């Protein structure tokens, strides 16, 4: 089941309108991001805490920034651009150390 947040409703309509005019990319990307967020929420709800690694624990970006070389603003930018695995719950972005570590590894390969 795909969940589209109320805050994203206008973006949904905008990308749908663009797709109707022939450019499917924004719509496909929008739906893909929302599917990923929905799956993350579902998995988070069903996987017992005892099976989760400490580095996989979702934390608000302001807390992660204190323990990483990046600021909260930079992590938020990475989350919005899809550069790190992150989910937005209401007004706050959440991610984990694994996502940031994966991002840092990717930078080294460039």
PDB file of N, CA and C in Angstrom:
ATOM      1  N   UNK A   1       0.840  -1.172   0.000  1.00  0.00           N
ATOM      2  CA  UNK A   1       0.000   0.000   0.000  1.00  0.00           C
ATOM      3  C   UNK A   1       0.888   1.239   0.000  1.00  0.00           C
ATOM      4  N   UNK A   2       0.622   2.140  -0.879  1.00  0.00           N
ATOM      5  CA  UNK A   2       1.366   3.384  -1.002  1.00  0.00           C
ATOM      6  C   UNK A   2       0.699   4.455  -0.148  1.00  0.00           C
ATOM      7  N   UNK A   3       1.540   5.154   0.634  1.00  0.00           N
ATOM      8  CA  UNK A   3       1.025   6.270   1.433  1.00  0.00           C
ATOM      9  C   UNK A   3       1.607   7.561   0.880  1.00  0.00           C
ATOM     10  N   UNK A   4       0.738   8.494   0.561  1.00  0.00           N
ATOM     11  CA  UNK A   4       1.176   9.825   0.158  1.00  0.00           C
ATOM     12  C   UNK A   4       0.703  10.778   1.248  1.00  0.00           C
ATOM     13  N   UNK A   5       1.656  11.464   1.850  1.00  0.00           N
ATOM     14  CA  UNK A   5       1.335  12.360   2.947  1.00  0.00           C
ATOM     15  C   UNK A   5       0.489  13.534   2.482  1.00  0.00           C
ATOM     16  N   UNK A   6      -0.320  14.033   3.375  1.00  0.00           N
ATOM     17  CA  UNK A   6      -1.169  15.176   3.066  1.00  0.00           C
ATOM     18  C   UNK A   6      -0.330  16.363   2.589  1.00  0.00           C
ATOM     19  N   UNK A   7       0.843  16.541   3.202  1.00  0.00           N
ATOM     20  CA  UNK A   7       1.730  17.641   2.813  1.00  0.00           C
ATOM     21  C   UNK A   7       2.242  17.491   1.385  1.00  0.00           C
ATOM     22  N   UNK A   8       2.236  16.272   0.860  1.00  0.00           N
ATOM     23  CA  UNK A   8       2.745  15.999  -0.489  1.00  0.00           C
ATOM     24  C   UNK A   8       1.646  15.968  -1.548  1.00  0.00           C
ATOM     25  N   UNK A   9       0.442  16.262  -1.161  1.00  0.00           N
ATOM     26  CA  UNK A   9      -0.689  16.148  -2.094  1.00  0.00           C
ATOM     27  C   UNK A   9      -0.517  17.044  -3.319  1.00  0.00           C
ATOM     28  N   UNK A  10      -0.104  18.307  -3.107  1.00  0.00           N
ATOM     29  CA  UNK A  10       0.071  19.220  -4.249  1.00  0.00           C
ATOM     30  C   UNK A  10       1.190  18.730  -5.165  1.00  0.00           C
ATOM     31  N   UNK A  11       2.287  18.218  -4.588  1.00  0.00           N
ATOM     32  CA  UNK A  11       3.393  17.687  -5.394  1.00  0.00           C
ATOM     33  C   UNK A  11       2.893  16.505  -6.223  1.00  0.00           C
ATOM     34  N   UNK A  12       2.042  15.673  -5.640  1.00  0.00           N
ATOM     35  CA  UNK A  12       1.452  14.542  -6.365  1.00  0.00           C
ATOM     36  C   UNK A  12       0.672  15.044  -7.577  1.00  0.00           C
ATOM     37  N   UNK A  13      -0.190  16.033  -7.365  1.00  0.00           N
ATOM     38  CA  UNK A  13      -0.992  16.566  -8.473  1.00  0.00           C
ATOM     39  C   UNK A  13      -0.114  17.227  -9.536  1.00  0.00           C
ATOM     40  N   UNK A  14       0.925  17.925  -9.097  1.00  0.00           N
ATOM     41  CA  UNK A  14       1.827  18.582 -10.053  1.00  0.00           C
ATOM     42  C   UNK A  14       2.553  17.553 -10.917  1.00  0.00           C
ATOM     43  N   UNK A  15       3.088  16.514 -10.288  1.00  0.00           N
ATOM     44  CA  UNK A  15       3.818  15.507 -11.065  1.00  0.00           C
ATOM     45  C   UNK A  15       2.870  14.708 -11.954  1.00  0.00           C
ATOM     46  N   UNK A  16       1.652  14.510 -11.490  1.00  0.00           N
ATOM     47  CA  UNK A  16       0.650  13.819 -12.299  1.00  0.00           C
ATOM     48  C   UNK A  16       0.303  14.655 -13.532  1.00  0.00           C
ATOM     49  N   UNK A  17       0.186  15.957 -13.351  1.00  0.00           N
ATOM     50  CA  UNK A  17      -0.108  16.843 -14.472  1.00  0.00           C
ATOM     51  C   UNK A  17       1.041  16.836 -15.492  1.00  0.00           C
ATOM     52  N   UNK A  18       2.278  16.875 -15.004  1.00  0.00           N
ATOM     53  CA  UNK A  18       3.440  16.834 -15.899  1.00  0.00           C
ATOM     54  C   UNK A  18       3.468  15.505 -16.662  1.00  0.00           C
ATOM     55  N   UNK A  19       3.144  14.412 -15.966  1.00  0.00           N
ATOM     56  CA  UNK A  19       3.116  13.095 -16.613  1.00  0.00           C
ATOM     57  C   UNK A  19       2.043  13.053 -17.702  1.00  0.00           C
ATOM     58  N   UNK A  20       0.905  13.668 -17.429  1.00  0.00           N
ATOM     59  CA  UNK A  20      -0.186  13.714 -18.402  1.00  0.00           C
ATOM     60  C   UNK A  20       0.244  14.456 -19.676  1.00  0.00           C
ATOM     61  N   UNK A  21       1.182  15.383 -19.513  1.00  0.00           N
ATOM     62  CA  UNK A  21       1.687  16.151 -20.661  1.00  0.00           C
ATOM     63  C   UNK A  21       2.844  15.452 -21.364  1.00  0.00           C
ATOM     64  N   UNK A  22       3.253  14.275 -20.849  1.00  0.00           N
ATOM     65  CA  UNK A  22       4.249  13.490 -21.567  1.00  0.00           C
ATOM     66  C   UNK A  22       5.553  13.191 -20.841  1.00  0.00           C
ATOM     67  N   UNK A  23       5.879  13.915 -19.770  1.00  0.00           N
ATOM     68  CA  UNK A  23       7.136  13.673 -19.043  1.00  0.00           C
ATOM     69  C   UNK A  23       6.832  12.854 -17.792  1.00  0.00           C
ATOM     70  N   UNK A  24       7.104  11.559 -17.859  1.00  0.00           N
ATOM     71  CA  UNK A  24       6.768  10.663 -16.758  1.00  0.00           C
ATOM     72  C   UNK A  24       7.777  10.672 -15.616  1.00  0.00           C
ATOM     73  N   UNK A  25       8.993  11.152 -15.863  1.00  0.00           N
ATOM     74  CA  UNK A  25      10.066  11.055 -14.866  1.00  0.00           C
ATOM     75  C   UNK A  25       9.715  11.639 -13.498  1.00  0.00           C
ATOM     76  N   UNK A  26       9.213  12.868 -13.395  1.00  0.00           N
ATOM     77  CA  UNK A  26       8.907  13.408 -12.063  1.00  0.00           C
ATOM     78  C   UNK A  26       7.868  12.567 -11.310  1.00  0.00           C
ATOM     79  N   UNK A  27       6.870  12.082 -12.029  1.00  0.00           N
ATOM     80  CA  UNK A  27       5.827  11.271 -11.398  1.00  0.00           C
ATOM     81  C   UNK A  27       6.390   9.938 -10.919  1.00  0.00           C
ATOM     82  N   UNK A  28       7.170   9.285 -11.762  1.00  0.00           N
ATOM     83  CA  UNK A  28       7.763   7.999 -11.391  1.00  0.00           C
ATOM     84  C   UNK A  28       8.684   8.175 -10.182  1.00  0.00           C
ATOM     85  N   UNK A  29       9.498   9.235 -10.173  1.00  0.00           N
ATOM     86  CA  UNK A  29      10.376   9.496  -9.030  1.00  0.00           C
ATOM     87  C   UNK A  29       9.581   9.775  -7.763  1.00  0.00           C
ATOM     88  N   UNK A  30       8.516  10.557  -7.890  1.00  0.00           N
ATOM     89  CA  UNK A  30       7.674  10.868  -6.735  1.00  0.00           C
ATOM     90  C   UNK A  30       7.055   9.598  -6.162  1.00  0.00           C
ATOM     91  N   UNK A  31       6.479   8.779  -7.009  1.00  0.00           N
ATOM     92  CA  UNK A  31       5.851   7.532  -6.553  1.00  0.00           C
ATOM     93  C   UNK A  31       6.907   6.605  -5.945  1.00  0.00           C
ATOM     94  N   UNK A  32       8.071   6.503  -6.582  1.00  0.00           N
ATOM     95  CA  UNK A  32       9.142   5.653  -6.056  1.00  0.00           C
ATOM     96  C   UNK A  32       9.572   6.060  -4.661  1.00  0.00           C
ATOM     97  N   UNK A  33       9.744   7.371  -4.427  1.00  0.00           N
ATOM     98  CA  UNK A  33      10.135   7.854  -3.095  1.00  0.00           C
ATOM     99  C   UNK A  33       9.053   7.544  -2.065  1.00  0.00           C
ATOM    100  N   UNK A  34       7.796   7.681  -2.458  1.00  0.00           N
ATOM    101  CA  UNK A  34       6.708   7.410  -1.525  1.00  0.00           C
ATOM    102  C   UNK A  34       6.562   5.922  -1.243  1.00  0.00           C
ATOM    103  N   UNK A  35       6.821   5.080  -2.225  1.00  0.00           N
ATOM    104  CA  UNK A  35       6.810   3.633  -1.992  1.00  0.00           C
ATOM    105  C   UNK A  35       7.925   3.275  -1.011  1.00  0.00           C
ATOM    106  N   UNK A  36       9.100   3.834  -1.233  1.00  0.00           N
ATOM    107  CA  UNK A  36      10.226   3.555  -0.338  1.00  0.00           C
ATOM    108  C   UNK A  36       9.902   3.987   1.093  1.00  0.00           C
ATOM    109  N   UNK A  37       9.335   5.178   1.254  1.00  0.00           N
ATOM    110  CA  UNK A  37       8.973   5.662   2.587  1.00  0.00           C
ATOM    111  C   UNK A  37       7.921   4.750   3.219  1.00  0.00           C
ATOM    112  N   UNK A  38       6.929   4.353   2.435  1.00  0.00           N
ATOM    113  CA  UNK A  38       5.879   3.470   2.958  1.00  0.00           C
ATOM    114  C   UNK A  38       6.452   2.139   3.411  1.00  0.00           C
ATOM    115  N   UNK A  39       7.324   1.559   2.600  1.00  0.00           N
ATOM    116  CA  UNK A  39       7.930   0.276   2.971  1.00  0.00           C
ATOM    117  C   UNK A  39       8.781   0.411   4.229  1.00  0.00           C
ATOM    118  N   UNK A  40       9.503   1.515   4.328  1.00  0.00           N
ATOM    119  CA  UNK A  40      10.325   1.744   5.522  1.00  0.00           C
ATOM    120  C   UNK A  40       9.445   1.788   6.765  1.00  0.00           C
ATOM    121  N   UNK A  41       8.333   2.498   6.688  1.00  0.00           N
ATOM    122  CA  UNK A  41       7.436   2.575   7.845  1.00  0.00           C
ATOM    123  C   UNK A  41       6.851   1.211   8.187  1.00  0.00           C
ATOM    124  N   UNK A  42       6.443   0.458   7.169  1.00  0.00           N
ATOM    125  CA  UNK A  42       5.881  -0.870   7.426  1.00  0.00           C
ATOM    126  C   UNK A  42       6.913  -1.786   8.067  1.00  0.00           C
ATOM    127  N   UNK A  43       8.114  -1.798   7.507  1.00  0.00           N
ATOM    128  CA  UNK A  43       9.163  -2.665   8.058  1.00  0.00           C
ATOM    129  C   UNK A  43       9.548  -2.243   9.466  1.00  0.00           C
ATOM    130  N   UNK A  44       9.610  -0.956   9.697  1.00  0.00           N
ATOM    131  CA  UNK A  44       9.932  -0.461  11.032  1.00  0.00           C
ATOM    132  C   UNK A  44       8.883  -0.922  12.041  1.00  0.00           C
ATOM    133  N   UNK A  45       7.658  -1.006  11.595  1.00  0.00           N
ATOM    134  CA  UNK A  45       6.571  -1.401  12.499  1.00  0.00           C
ATOM    135  C   UNK A  45       6.572  -2.895  12.803  1.00  0.00           C
ATOM    136  N   UNK A  46       7.078  -3.722  11.892  1.00  0.00           N
ATOM    137  CA  UNK A  46       6.966  -5.174  12.089  1.00  0.00           C
ATOM    138  C   UNK A  46       8.252  -5.858  12.524  1.00  0.00           C
ATOM    139  N   UNK A  47       9.413  -5.218  12.345  1.00  0.00           N
ATOM    140  CA  UNK A  47      10.672  -5.852  12.736  1.00  0.00           C
ATOM    141  C   UNK A  47      10.905  -5.567  14.218  1.00  0.00           C
ATOM    142  N   UNK A  48      10.981  -6.623  15.046  1.00  0.00           N
ATOM    143  CA  UNK A  48      11.200  -6.414  16.484  1.00  0.00           C
ATOM    144  C   UNK A  48      12.532  -5.719  16.754  1.00  0.00           C
ATOM    145  N   UNK A  49      12.561  -4.882  17.771  1.00  0.00           N
ATOM    146  CA  UNK A  49      13.757  -4.102  18.108  1.00  0.00           C
ATOM    147  C   UNK A  49      14.966  -4.988  18.376  1.00  0.00           C
ATOM    148  N   UNK A  50      14.754  -6.184  18.903  1.00  0.00           N
ATOM    149  CA  UNK A  50      15.894  -7.046  19.237  1.00  0.00           C
ATOM    150  C   UNK A  50      16.650  -7.506  17.989  1.00  0.00           C
ATOM    151  N   UNK A  51      16.032  -7.419  16.804  1.00  0.00           N
ATOM    152  CA  UNK A  51      16.693  -7.822  15.565  1.00  0.00           C
ATOM    153  C   UNK A  51      17.344  -6.651  14.839  1.00  0.00           C
ATOM    154  N   UNK A  52      17.141  -5.462  15.333  1.00  0.00           N
ATOM    155  CA  UNK A  52      17.708  -4.288  14.679  1.00  0.00           C
ATOM    156  C   UNK A  52      19.091  -4.007  15.256  1.00  0.00           C
ATOM    157  N   UNK A  53      20.028  -3.692  14.377  1.00  0.00           N
ATOM    158  CA  UNK A  53      21.357  -3.286  14.816  1.00  0.00           C
ATOM    159  C   UNK A  53      21.272  -1.860  15.345  1.00  0.00           C
ATOM    160  N   UNK A  54      22.183  -1.525  16.233  1.00  0.00           N
ATOM    161  CA  UNK A  54      22.195  -0.176  16.796  1.00  0.00           C
ATOM    162  C   UNK A  54      22.371   0.883  15.702  1.00  0.00           C
ATOM    163  N   UNK A  55      23.167   0.556  14.679  1.00  0.00           N
ATOM    164  CA  UNK A  55      23.409   1.517  13.598  1.00  0.00           C
ATOM    165  C   UNK A  55      22.210   1.666  12.663  1.00  0.00           C
ATOM    166  N   UNK A  56      21.243   0.753  12.744  1.00  0.00           N
ATOM    167  CA  UNK A  56      20.059   0.817  11.897  1.00  0.00           C
ATOM    168  C   UNK A  56      18.915   1.598  12.551  1.00  0.00           C
ATOM    169  N   UNK A  57      19.131   2.039  13.786  1.00  0.00           N
ATOM    170  CA  UNK A  57      18.078   2.732  14.518  1.00  0.00           C
ATOM    171  C   UNK A  57      17.817   4.101  13.880  1.00  0.00           C
ATOM    172  N   UNK A  58      16.568   4.382  13.574  1.00  0.00           N
ATOM    173  CA  UNK A  58      16.201   5.656  12.968  1.00  0.00           C
ATOM    174  C   UNK A  58      16.281   6.743  14.024  1.00  0.00           C
ATOM    175  N   UNK A  59      16.943   7.837  13.666  1.00  0.00           N
ATOM    176  CA  UNK A  59      17.092   8.960  14.574  1.00  0.00           C
ATOM    177  C   UNK A  59      16.821  10.247  13.823  1.00  0.00           C
ATOM    178  N   UNK A  60      16.359  11.226  14.548  1.00  0.00           N
ATOM    179  CA  UNK A  60      16.121  12.529  13.950  1.00  0.00           C
ATOM    180  C   UNK A  60      17.468  13.111  13.513  1.00  0.00           C
ATOM    181  N   UNK A  61      17.486  13.839  12.418  1.00  0.00           N
ATOM    182  CA  UNK A  61      18.747  14.322  11.851  1.00  0.00           C
ATOM    183  C   UNK A  61      19.538  15.213  12.807  1.00  0.00           C
ATOM    184  N   UNK A  62      18.860  15.966  13.648  1.00  0.00           N
ATOM    185  CA  UNK A  62      19.583  16.831  14.589  1.00  0.00           C
ATOM    186  C   UNK A  62      20.432  16.003  15.545  1.00  0.00           C
ATOM    187  N   UNK A  63      19.964  14.822  15.929  1.00  0.00           N
ATOM    188  CA  UNK A  63      20.748  13.937  16.808  1.00  0.00           C
ATOM    189  C   UNK A  63      21.892  13.287  16.045  1.00  0.00           C
ATOM    190  N   UNK A  64      21.637  12.865  14.814  1.00  0.00           N
ATOM    191  CA  UNK A  64      22.698  12.267  14.001  1.00  0.00           C
ATOM    192  C   UNK A  64      23.810  13.267  13.713  1.00  0.00           C
ATOM    193  N   UNK A  65      23.449  14.515  13.506  1.00  0.00           N
ATOM    194  CA  UNK A  65      24.444  15.542  13.187  1.00  0.00           C
ATOM    195  C   UNK A  65      25.450  15.706  14.312  1.00  0.00           C
ATOM    196  N   UNK A  66      25.031  15.511  15.542  1.00  0.00           N
ATOM    197  CA  UNK A  66      25.933  15.648  16.687  1.00  0.00           C
ATOM    198  C   UNK A  66      27.016  14.572  16.693  1.00  0.00           C
ATOM    199  N   UNK A  67      26.746  13.450  16.016  1.00  0.00           N
ATOM    200  CA  UNK A  67      27.652  12.300  16.061  1.00  0.00           C
ATOM    201  C   UNK A  67      28.289  11.998  14.711  1.00  0.00           C
ATOM    202  N   UNK A  68      28.129  12.908  13.744  1.00  0.00           N
ATOM    203  CA  UNK A  68      28.704  12.721  12.408  1.00  0.00           C
ATOM    204  C   UNK A  68      29.446  13.994  12.016  1.00  0.00           C
ATOM    205  N   UNK A  69      30.221  13.945  10.945  1.00  0.00           N
ATOM    206  CA  UNK A  69      30.928  15.159  10.516  1.00  0.00           C
ATOM    207  C   UNK A  69      30.041  16.158   9.771  1.00  0.00           C
ATOM    208  N   UNK A  70      28.739  15.900   9.686  1.00  0.00           N
ATOM    209  CA  UNK A  70      27.840  16.740   8.898  1.00  0.00           C
ATOM    210  C   UNK A  70      26.877  17.514   9.789  1.00  0.00           C
ATOM    211  N   UNK A  71      26.478  18.677   9.317  1.00  0.00           N
ATOM    212  CA  UNK A  71      25.486  19.480  10.033  1.00  0.00           C
ATOM    213  C   UNK A  71      24.083  18.929   9.759  1.00  0.00           C
ATOM    214  N   UNK A  72      23.156  19.338  10.587  1.00  0.00           N
ATOM    215  CA  UNK A  72      21.764  18.939  10.381  1.00  0.00           C
ATOM    216  C   UNK A  72      21.255  19.449   9.039  1.00  0.00           C
ATOM    217  N   UNK A  73      21.640  20.657   8.660  1.00  0.00           N
ATOM    218  CA  UNK A  73      21.185  21.242   7.400  1.00  0.00           C
ATOM    219  C   UNK A  73      21.698  20.438   6.204  1.00  0.00           C
ATOM    220  N   UNK A  74      22.951  20.010   6.283  1.00  0.00           N
ATOM    221  CA  UNK A  74      23.522  19.229   5.183  1.00  0.00           C
ATOM    222  C   UNK A  74      22.855  17.854   5.103  1.00  0.00           C
ATOM    223  N   UNK A  75      22.637  17.228   6.250  1.00  0.00           N
ATOM    224  CA  UNK A  75      21.951  15.932   6.255  1.00  0.00           C
ATOM    225  C   UNK A  75      20.546  16.071   5.690  1.00  0.00           C
ATOM    226  N   UNK A  76      19.881  17.163   6.025  1.00  0.00           N
ATOM    227  CA  UNK A  76      18.538  17.409   5.500  1.00  0.00           C
ATOM    228  C   UNK A  76      18.570  17.565   3.980  1.00  0.00           C
ATOM    229  N   UNK A  77      19.565  18.270   3.474  1.00  0.00           N
ATOM    230  CA  UNK A  77      19.730  18.418   2.027  1.00  0.00           C
ATOM    231  C   UNK A  77      19.950  17.059   1.368  1.00  0.00           C
ATOM    232  N   UNK A  78      20.813  16.243   1.972  1.00  0.00           N
ATOM    233  CA  UNK A  78      21.063  14.902   1.435  1.00  0.00           C
ATOM    234  C   UNK A  78      19.784  14.068   1.442  1.00  0.00           C
ATOM    235  N   UNK A  79      19.003  14.179   2.502  1.00  0.00           N
ATOM    236  CA  UNK A  79      17.750  13.426   2.600  1.00  0.00           C
ATOM    237  C   UNK A  79      16.764  13.872   1.514  1.00  0.00           C
ATOM    238  N   UNK A  80      16.606  15.179   1.360  1.00  0.00           N
ATOM    239  CA  UNK A  80      15.661  15.702   0.360  1.00  0.00           C
ATOM    240  C   UNK A  80      16.062  15.318  -1.053  1.00  0.00           C
ATOM    241  N   UNK A  81      17.356  15.233  -1.309  1.00  0.00           N
ATOM    242  CA  UNK A  81      17.836  14.879  -2.649  1.00  0.00           C
ATOM    243  C   UNK A  81      17.944  13.372  -2.855  1.00  0.00           C
ATOM    244  N   UNK A  82      17.621  12.596  -1.826  1.00  0.00           N
ATOM    245  CA  UNK A  82      17.667  11.144  -1.947  1.00  0.00           C
ATOM    246  C   UNK A  82      19.075  10.578  -1.922  1.00  0.00           C
ATOM    247  N   UNK A  83      20.037  11.342  -1.397  1.00  0.00           N
ATOM    248  CA  UNK A  83      21.435  10.888  -1.340  1.00  0.00           C
ATOM    249  C   UNK A  83      21.693   9.969  -0.150  1.00  0.00           C
ATOM    250  N   UNK A  84      20.866  10.084   0.889  1.00  0.00           N
ATOM    251  CA  UNK A  84      20.932   9.163   2.023  1.00  0.00           C
ATOM    252  C   UNK A  84      19.539   8.581   2.238  1.00  0.00           C
ATOM    253  N   UNK A  85      19.520   7.369   2.748  1.00  0.00           N
ATOM    254  CA  UNK A  85      18.232   6.765   3.080  1.00  0.00           C
ATOM    255  C   UNK A  85      17.647   7.544   4.246  1.00  0.00           C
ATOM    256  N   UNK A  86      16.458   8.060   4.073  1.00  0.00           N
ATOM    257  CA  UNK A  86      15.818   8.866   5.109  1.00  0.00           C
ATOM    258  C   UNK A  86      14.313   8.850   4.905  1.00  0.00           C
ATOM    259  N   UNK A  87      13.603   9.088   5.980  1.00  0.00           N
ATOM    260  CA  UNK A  87      12.148   9.200   5.895  1.00  0.00           C
ATOM    261  C   UNK A  87      11.731  10.477   6.612  1.00  0.00           C
ATOM    262  N   UNK A  88      10.681  11.060   6.118  1.00  0.00           N
ATOM    263  CA  UNK A  88      10.147  12.260   6.747  1.00  0.00           C
ATOM    264  C   UNK A  88       8.864  11.879   7.452  1.00  0.00           C
ATOM    265  N   UNK A  89       8.847  12.128   8.738  1.00  0.00           N
ATOM    266  CA  UNK A  89       7.646  11.880   9.536  1.00  0.00           C
ATOM    267  C   UNK A  89       7.180  13.233  10.040  1.00  0.00           C
ATOM    268  N   UNK A  90       6.013  13.602   9.582  1.00  0.00           N
ATOM    269  CA  UNK A  90       5.465  14.922   9.848  1.00  0.00           C
ATOM    270  C   UNK A  90       6.449  15.966   9.354  1.00  0.00           C
ATOM    271  N   UNK A  91       7.067  16.744  10.226  1.00  0.00           N
ATOM    272  CA  UNK A  91       7.960  17.818   9.760  1.00  0.00           C
ATOM    273  C   UNK A  91       9.436  17.456   9.875  1.00  0.00           C
ATOM    274  N   UNK A  92       9.763  16.289  10.410  1.00  0.00           N
ATOM    275  CA  UNK A  92      11.154  15.947  10.700  1.00  0.00           C
ATOM    276  C   UNK A  92      11.671  14.808   9.830  1.00  0.00           C
ATOM    277  N   UNK A  93      12.934  14.934   9.434  1.00  0.00           N
ATOM    278  CA  UNK A  93      13.612  13.877   8.697  1.00  0.00           C
ATOM    279  C   UNK A  93      14.311  12.954   9.680  1.00  0.00           C
ATOM    280  N   UNK A  94      14.300  11.647   9.370  1.00  0.00           N
ATOM    281  CA  UNK A  94      14.974  10.627  10.166  1.00  0.00           C
ATOM    282  C   UNK A  94      15.871   9.803   9.250  1.00  0.00           C
ATOM    283  N   UNK A  95      17.013   9.411   9.789  1.00  0.00           N
ATOM    284  CA  UNK A  95      17.916   8.525   9.076  1.00  0.00           C
ATOM    285  C   UNK A  95      18.664   7.692  10.114  1.00  0.00           C
ATOM    286  N   UNK A  96      19.748   7.035   9.669  1.00  0.00           N
ATOM    287  CA  UNK A  96      20.518   6.225  10.611  1.00  0.00           C
ATOM    288  C   UNK A  96      21.996   6.246  10.233  1.00  0.00           C
ATOM    289  N   UNK A  97      22.820   5.736  11.137  1.00  0.00           N
ATOM    290  CA  UNK A  97      24.263   5.748  10.901  1.00  0.00           C
ATOM    291  C   UNK A  97      24.654   4.927   9.676  1.00  0.00           C
ATOM    292  N   UNK A  98      23.951   3.845   9.428  1.00  0.00           N
ATOM    293  CA  UNK A  98      24.264   3.010   8.262  1.00  0.00           C
ATOM    294  C   UNK A  98      24.110   3.821   6.975  1.00  0.00           C
ATOM    295  N   UNK A  99      23.042   4.595   6.878  1.00  0.00           N
ATOM    296  CA  UNK A  99      22.807   5.411   5.677  1.00  0.00           C
ATOM    297  C   UNK A  99      23.917   6.445   5.489  1.00  0.00           C
ATOM    298  N   UNK A 100      24.344   7.047   6.580  1.00  0.00           N
ATOM    299  CA  UNK A 100      25.404   8.056   6.483  1.00  0.00           C
ATOM    300  C   UNK A 100      26.734   7.400   6.134  1.00  0.00           C
ATOM    301  N   UNK A 101      27.000   6.252   6.723  1.00  0.00           N
ATOM    302  CA  UNK A 101      28.227   5.514   6.406  1.00  0.00           C
ATOM    303  C   UNK A 101      28.237   5.116   4.925  1.00  0.00           C
ATOM    304  N   UNK A 102      27.096   4.642   4.416  1.00  0.00           N
ATOM    305  CA  UNK A 102      27.000   4.281   2.996  1.00  0.00           C
ATOM    306  C   UNK A 102      27.253   5.494   2.108  1.00  0.00           C
ATOM    307  N   UNK A 103      26.727   6.648   2.496  1.00  0.00           N
ATOM    308  CA  UNK A 103      26.945   7.880   1.745  1.00  0.00           C
ATOM    309  C   UNK A 103      28.439   8.227   1.728  1.00  0.00           C
ATOM    310  N   UNK A 104      29.076   8.138   2.885  1.00  0.00           N
ATOM    311  CA  UNK A 104      30.504   8.476   2.988  1.00  0.00           C
ATOM    312  C   UNK A 104      31.355   7.534   2.149  1.00  0.00           C
ATOM    313  N   UNK A 105      30.995   6.261   2.101  1.00  0.00           N
ATOM    314  CA  UNK A 105      31.716   5.309   1.252  1.00  0.00           C
ATOM    315  C   UNK A 105      31.579   5.686  -0.212  1.00  0.00           C
ATOM    316  N   UNK A 106      30.378   6.115  -0.597  1.00  0.00           N
ATOM    317  CA  UNK A 106      30.120   6.508  -1.978  1.00  0.00           C
ATOM    318  C   UNK A 106      30.914   7.729  -2.400  1.00  0.00           C
ATOM    319  N   UNK A 107      31.130   8.643  -1.485  1.00  0.00           N
ATOM    320  CA  UNK A 107      31.918   9.852  -1.780  1.00  0.00           C
ATOM    321  C   UNK A 107      33.351   9.451  -2.104  1.00  0.00           C
ATOM    322  N   UNK A 108      33.884   8.474  -1.367  1.00  0.00           N
ATOM    323  CA  UNK A 108      35.250   8.028  -1.575  1.00  0.00           C
ATOM    324  C   UNK A 108      35.470   7.392  -2.939  1.00  0.00           C
ATOM    325  N   UNK A 109      34.411   6.869  -3.544  1.00  0.00           N
ATOM    326  CA  UNK A 109      34.524   6.213  -4.852  1.00  0.00           C
ATOM    327  C   UNK A 109      34.465   7.190  -5.999  1.00  0.00           C
ATOM    328  N   UNK A 110      34.091   8.436  -5.740  1.00  0.00           N
ATOM    329  CA  UNK A 110      33.944   9.419  -6.823  1.00  0.00           C
ATOM    330  C   UNK A 110      35.269   9.978  -7.256  1.00  0.00           C
TER     331      UNK A 110
END
